[in-house]
Amino acid sequence: MKDVTIQEIQSSTFTELNVRQDKGEPYFIRLHDSVVKNLERRLASGEEKPGLLIGSFEAANLTISVEDFEPAANIEERIRTWTPRAGSRQHVVGCYWPHARAEFALDP
């Protein structure tokens, strides 16, 4: 069984999700507000292209930080060819698929 709790961090620009599993150590997903706002803008404009989630890993406190995204028509190909900018510590940390149909909504 997996439990996810959402912890609002009031003075920061991200929301941190605490993910717990039956086995292994719990970990955190830090979702930056700018990523959410920019994804919402793309959805509102009608764009439903999937893409990559770009961010970093903090091994010391088991945190995956989602700091940016990159739309990509072919996700598998883009994962294989993606390279970080020079000097960047960012990696592909996941992917997303927009779903803008009216029958889907998250609870407030």
N, C-alpha and C. Protein backbone atom coordinates (compact mmCIF):
# COMPACT_ATOMS: atom_id res chain seq x y z
N MET A 1 0.83 -1.17 0.00
CA MET A 1 0.00 0.00 0.00
C MET A 1 0.88 1.25 0.00
N LYS A 2 0.51 2.24 -0.76
CA LYS A 2 1.26 3.49 -0.82
C LYS A 2 0.42 4.60 -0.25
N ASP A 3 1.03 5.46 0.55
CA ASP A 3 0.36 6.64 1.09
C ASP A 3 1.13 7.85 0.61
N VAL A 4 0.39 8.87 0.21
CA VAL A 4 1.02 10.12 -0.18
C VAL A 4 0.37 11.21 0.65
N THR A 5 1.16 11.98 1.34
CA THR A 5 0.64 13.12 2.09
C THR A 5 1.22 14.37 1.49
N ILE A 6 0.45 15.42 1.44
CA ILE A 6 0.90 16.68 0.87
C ILE A 6 1.18 17.64 2.01
N GLN A 7 2.38 18.17 2.01
CA GLN A 7 2.78 19.12 3.02
C GLN A 7 2.99 20.46 2.33
N GLU A 8 2.18 21.45 2.66
CA GLU A 8 2.35 22.77 2.08
C GLU A 8 3.49 23.49 2.80
N ILE A 9 4.44 23.97 2.06
CA ILE A 9 5.54 24.73 2.62
C ILE A 9 5.21 26.20 2.35
N GLN A 10 4.85 26.95 3.37
CA GLN A 10 4.27 28.27 3.18
C GLN A 10 5.25 29.32 2.68
N SER A 11 6.47 29.34 3.15
CA SER A 11 7.38 30.42 2.78
C SER A 11 8.28 30.06 1.60
N SER A 12 7.98 28.98 0.88
CA SER A 12 8.81 28.55 -0.23
C SER A 12 8.01 28.52 -1.52
N THR A 13 8.69 28.18 -2.59
CA THR A 13 8.03 28.17 -3.89
C THR A 13 7.84 26.75 -4.40
N PHE A 14 7.54 25.82 -3.50
CA PHE A 14 7.29 24.46 -3.91
C PHE A 14 6.34 23.78 -2.93
N THR A 15 5.77 22.66 -3.39
CA THR A 15 4.99 21.78 -2.53
C THR A 15 5.77 20.49 -2.41
N GLU A 16 5.85 19.95 -1.22
CA GLU A 16 6.60 18.72 -1.01
C GLU A 16 5.65 17.58 -0.70
N LEU A 17 5.78 16.49 -1.45
CA LEU A 17 4.98 15.29 -1.25
C LEU A 17 5.82 14.27 -0.52
N ASN A 18 5.29 13.70 0.53
CA ASN A 18 5.97 12.67 1.30
C ASN A 18 5.39 11.33 0.85
N VAL A 19 6.18 10.52 0.17
CA VAL A 19 5.71 9.25 -0.39
C VAL A 19 6.21 8.11 0.48
N ARG A 20 5.28 7.33 1.00
CA ARG A 20 5.64 6.19 1.86
C ARG A 20 5.17 4.91 1.19
N GLN A 21 6.00 3.86 1.29
CA GLN A 21 5.67 2.58 0.70
C GLN A 21 5.79 1.50 1.76
N ASP A 22 5.19 0.34 1.47
CA ASP A 22 5.29 -0.79 2.40
C ASP A 22 6.73 -1.22 2.63
N LYS A 23 7.53 -1.18 1.58
CA LYS A 23 8.93 -1.59 1.67
C LYS A 23 9.81 -0.42 1.26
N GLY A 24 11.01 -0.41 1.78
CA GLY A 24 11.94 0.65 1.43
C GLY A 24 11.72 1.90 2.26
N GLU A 25 12.55 2.89 2.01
CA GLU A 25 12.47 4.14 2.76
C GLU A 25 11.50 5.11 2.11
N PRO A 26 10.83 5.94 2.92
CA PRO A 26 10.00 6.98 2.33
C PRO A 26 10.89 7.99 1.60
N TYR A 27 10.33 8.67 0.63
CA TYR A 27 11.07 9.69 -0.08
C TYR A 27 10.16 10.88 -0.32
N PHE A 28 10.73 11.96 -0.78
CA PHE A 28 9.99 13.19 -0.98
C PHE A 28 10.05 13.59 -2.45
N ILE A 29 8.98 14.19 -2.93
CA ILE A 29 8.94 14.78 -4.26
C ILE A 29 8.65 16.26 -4.05
N ARG A 30 9.56 17.10 -4.48
CA ARG A 30 9.43 18.55 -4.34
C ARG A 30 9.01 19.10 -5.70
N LEU A 31 7.78 19.59 -5.79
CA LEU A 31 7.21 20.10 -7.04
C LEU A 31 7.18 21.62 -6.99
N HIS A 32 8.04 22.25 -7.78
CA HIS A 32 8.14 23.71 -7.77
C HIS A 32 6.89 24.35 -8.38
N ASP A 33 6.43 25.42 -7.73
CA ASP A 33 5.22 26.12 -8.17
C ASP A 33 5.31 26.63 -9.60
N SER A 34 6.48 27.06 -10.02
CA SER A 34 6.64 27.58 -11.38
C SER A 34 6.35 26.50 -12.42
N VAL A 35 6.70 25.26 -12.12
CA VAL A 35 6.43 24.15 -13.03
C VAL A 35 4.92 23.96 -13.16
N VAL A 36 4.23 23.95 -12.04
CA VAL A 36 2.78 23.77 -12.04
C VAL A 36 2.10 24.91 -12.81
N LYS A 37 2.49 26.14 -12.53
CA LYS A 37 1.88 27.29 -13.20
C LYS A 37 2.10 27.25 -14.71
N ASN A 38 3.32 26.92 -15.14
CA ASN A 38 3.61 26.86 -16.57
C ASN A 38 2.88 25.70 -17.25
N LEU A 39 2.77 24.56 -16.58
CA LEU A 39 2.00 23.45 -17.15
C LEU A 39 0.52 23.83 -17.26
N GLU A 40 -0.02 24.50 -16.24
CA GLU A 40 -1.41 24.95 -16.29
C GLU A 40 -1.64 25.91 -17.46
N ARG A 41 -0.69 26.83 -17.68
CA ARG A 41 -0.81 27.77 -18.81
C ARG A 41 -0.85 27.03 -20.14
N ARG A 42 -0.01 26.03 -20.29
CA ARG A 42 0.01 25.25 -21.53
C ARG A 42 -1.32 24.52 -21.74
N LEU A 43 -1.84 23.93 -20.68
CA LEU A 43 -3.13 23.25 -20.78
C LEU A 43 -4.24 24.22 -21.13
N ALA A 44 -4.23 25.39 -20.49
CA ALA A 44 -5.27 26.40 -20.75
C ALA A 44 -5.23 26.88 -22.20
N SER A 45 -4.04 26.86 -22.82
CA SER A 45 -3.92 27.29 -24.21
C SER A 45 -4.28 26.18 -25.19
N GLY A 46 -4.61 24.99 -24.66
CA GLY A 46 -5.03 23.89 -25.51
C GLY A 46 -3.94 22.91 -25.88
N GLU A 47 -2.73 23.15 -25.42
CA GLU A 47 -1.64 22.24 -25.74
C GLU A 47 -1.73 20.99 -24.87
N GLU A 48 -1.76 19.83 -25.50
CA GLU A 48 -1.83 18.58 -24.76
C GLU A 48 -0.66 17.66 -25.08
N LYS A 49 0.49 18.27 -25.39
CA LYS A 49 1.68 17.48 -25.70
C LYS A 49 2.30 16.95 -24.40
N PRO A 50 2.69 15.69 -24.36
CA PRO A 50 3.38 15.16 -23.17
C PRO A 50 4.80 15.70 -23.11
N GLY A 51 5.51 15.36 -22.05
CA GLY A 51 6.87 15.84 -21.96
C GLY A 51 7.64 15.28 -20.79
N LEU A 52 8.84 15.82 -20.61
CA LEU A 52 9.75 15.37 -19.56
C LEU A 52 9.68 16.30 -18.36
N LEU A 53 9.86 15.73 -17.18
CA LEU A 53 10.03 16.52 -15.96
C LEU A 53 11.53 16.55 -15.68
N ILE A 54 12.05 17.75 -15.50
CA ILE A 54 13.48 17.96 -15.32
C ILE A 54 13.73 18.43 -13.89
N GLY A 55 14.76 17.89 -13.27
CA GLY A 55 15.05 18.32 -11.90
C GLY A 55 16.31 17.69 -11.37
N SER A 56 16.34 17.55 -10.06
CA SER A 56 17.55 17.05 -9.41
C SER A 56 17.20 16.04 -8.32
N PHE A 57 18.21 15.31 -7.89
CA PHE A 57 18.08 14.32 -6.82
C PHE A 57 18.93 14.78 -5.64
N GLU A 58 18.38 14.68 -4.46
CA GLU A 58 19.14 14.96 -3.25
C GLU A 58 19.19 13.66 -2.46
N ALA A 59 20.28 12.91 -2.63
CA ALA A 59 20.39 11.59 -2.03
C ALA A 59 20.38 11.64 -0.50
N ALA A 60 20.95 12.68 0.08
CA ALA A 60 21.06 12.76 1.54
C ALA A 60 19.70 12.75 2.23
N ASN A 61 18.70 13.41 1.63
CA ASN A 61 17.38 13.43 2.24
C ASN A 61 16.31 12.78 1.36
N LEU A 62 16.75 11.94 0.41
CA LEU A 62 15.85 11.17 -0.46
C LEU A 62 14.78 12.05 -1.10
N THR A 63 15.22 13.11 -1.78
CA THR A 63 14.29 14.05 -2.40
C THR A 63 14.51 14.13 -3.91
N ILE A 64 13.40 14.06 -4.64
CA ILE A 64 13.39 14.30 -6.08
C ILE A 64 12.76 15.67 -6.26
N SER A 65 13.49 16.59 -6.85
CA SER A 65 13.01 17.96 -7.02
C SER A 65 12.65 18.18 -8.48
N VAL A 66 11.37 18.49 -8.77
CA VAL A 66 10.91 18.77 -10.13
C VAL A 66 10.99 20.28 -10.32
N GLU A 67 11.97 20.72 -11.13
CA GLU A 67 12.29 22.14 -11.27
C GLU A 67 11.88 22.74 -12.61
N ASP A 68 11.61 21.89 -13.60
CA ASP A 68 11.29 22.39 -14.94
C ASP A 68 10.62 21.27 -15.72
N PHE A 69 10.18 21.57 -16.91
CA PHE A 69 9.63 20.56 -17.80
C PHE A 69 9.97 20.92 -19.23
N GLU A 70 9.86 19.91 -20.08
CA GLU A 70 10.16 20.11 -21.50
C GLU A 70 9.16 19.31 -22.32
N PRO A 71 8.27 19.98 -23.06
CA PRO A 71 7.34 19.24 -23.91
C PRO A 71 8.11 18.41 -24.94
N ALA A 72 7.59 17.22 -25.23
CA ALA A 72 8.24 16.34 -26.19
C ALA A 72 7.19 15.44 -26.82
N ALA A 73 7.10 15.46 -28.12
CA ALA A 73 6.11 14.64 -28.80
C ALA A 73 6.40 13.15 -28.63
N ASN A 74 7.67 12.77 -28.67
CA ASN A 74 8.07 11.38 -28.50
C ASN A 74 8.92 11.27 -27.23
N ILE A 75 8.26 10.92 -26.13
CA ILE A 75 8.92 10.91 -24.83
C ILE A 75 10.08 9.92 -24.77
N GLU A 76 9.87 8.71 -25.24
CA GLU A 76 10.93 7.71 -25.16
C GLU A 76 12.19 8.15 -25.90
N GLU A 77 12.02 8.70 -27.07
CA GLU A 77 13.15 9.18 -27.85
C GLU A 77 13.83 10.35 -27.14
N ARG A 78 13.05 11.26 -26.59
CA ARG A 78 13.62 12.44 -25.92
C ARG A 78 14.38 12.04 -24.65
N ILE A 79 13.91 11.04 -23.93
CA ILE A 79 14.63 10.56 -22.75
C ILE A 79 16.01 10.04 -23.16
N ARG A 80 16.05 9.31 -24.27
CA ARG A 80 17.33 8.76 -24.75
C ARG A 80 18.30 9.85 -25.19
N THR A 81 17.79 10.95 -25.75
CA THR A 81 18.66 11.97 -26.33
C THR A 81 18.88 13.18 -25.45
N TRP A 82 18.15 13.30 -24.35
CA TRP A 82 18.25 14.48 -23.48
C TRP A 82 19.61 14.54 -22.81
N THR A 83 20.20 15.73 -22.81
CA THR A 83 21.45 15.97 -22.09
C THR A 83 21.32 17.27 -21.31
N PRO A 84 21.91 17.33 -20.13
CA PRO A 84 21.83 18.57 -19.34
C PRO A 84 22.70 19.66 -19.95
N ARG A 85 22.35 20.89 -19.62
CA ARG A 85 23.18 22.03 -20.04
C ARG A 85 24.53 21.95 -19.34
N ALA A 86 25.53 22.53 -19.91
CA ALA A 86 26.88 22.51 -19.32
C ALA A 86 26.84 23.06 -17.90
N GLY A 87 27.40 22.32 -16.97
CA GLY A 87 27.46 22.74 -15.58
C GLY A 87 26.19 22.50 -14.78
N SER A 88 25.16 21.98 -15.41
CA SER A 88 23.88 21.76 -14.72
C SER A 88 23.91 20.44 -13.96
N ARG A 89 23.21 20.42 -12.84
CA ARG A 89 23.08 19.18 -12.07
C ARG A 89 21.71 18.54 -12.31
N GLN A 90 20.99 19.03 -13.30
CA GLN A 90 19.66 18.53 -13.58
C GLN A 90 19.69 17.22 -14.37
N HIS A 91 18.60 16.45 -14.19
CA HIS A 91 18.40 15.17 -14.87
C HIS A 91 16.94 15.07 -15.26
N VAL A 92 16.62 14.09 -16.09
CA VAL A 92 15.22 13.74 -16.31
C VAL A 92 14.77 12.99 -15.07
N VAL A 93 13.74 13.50 -14.38
CA VAL A 93 13.26 12.87 -13.15
C VAL A 93 11.88 12.23 -13.33
N GLY A 94 11.29 12.40 -14.52
CA GLY A 94 9.98 11.81 -14.77
C GLY A 94 9.42 12.31 -16.08
N CYS A 95 8.16 12.01 -16.30
CA CYS A 95 7.48 12.50 -17.50
C CYS A 95 6.02 12.80 -17.13
N TYR A 96 5.34 13.49 -18.02
CA TYR A 96 3.94 13.85 -17.76
C TYR A 96 3.12 13.70 -19.04
N TRP A 97 1.83 13.46 -18.85
CA TRP A 97 0.85 13.40 -19.93
C TRP A 97 -0.32 14.27 -19.54
N PRO A 98 -0.57 15.36 -20.26
CA PRO A 98 -1.70 16.23 -19.95
C PRO A 98 -3.02 15.50 -20.21
N HIS A 99 -4.00 15.88 -19.45
CA HIS A 99 -5.35 15.31 -19.60
C HIS A 99 -6.32 16.45 -19.33
N ALA A 100 -6.78 17.12 -20.38
CA ALA A 100 -7.58 18.32 -20.22
C ALA A 100 -9.08 18.09 -20.40
N ARG A 101 -9.51 16.83 -20.49
CA ARG A 101 -10.94 16.59 -20.68
C ARG A 101 -11.73 16.95 -19.42
N ALA A 102 -12.95 17.38 -19.60
CA ALA A 102 -13.77 17.88 -18.48
C ALA A 102 -14.07 16.82 -17.43
N GLU A 103 -14.10 15.54 -17.77
CA GLU A 103 -14.48 14.52 -16.79
C GLU A 103 -13.39 14.19 -15.77
N PHE A 104 -12.23 14.78 -15.91
CA PHE A 104 -11.14 14.51 -14.97
C PHE A 104 -10.83 15.78 -14.17
N ALA A 105 -10.78 15.65 -12.85
CA ALA A 105 -10.41 16.78 -12.02
C ALA A 105 -9.90 16.27 -10.68
N LEU A 106 -8.96 16.99 -10.11
CA LEU A 106 -8.46 16.66 -8.79
C LEU A 106 -9.35 17.32 -7.75
N ASP A 107 -9.47 16.69 -6.59
CA ASP A 107 -10.21 17.31 -5.51
C ASP A 107 -9.44 18.51 -4.98
N PRO A 108 -10.16 19.56 -4.56
CA PRO A 108 -9.46 20.74 -4.02
C PRO A 108 -8.76 20.44 -2.71
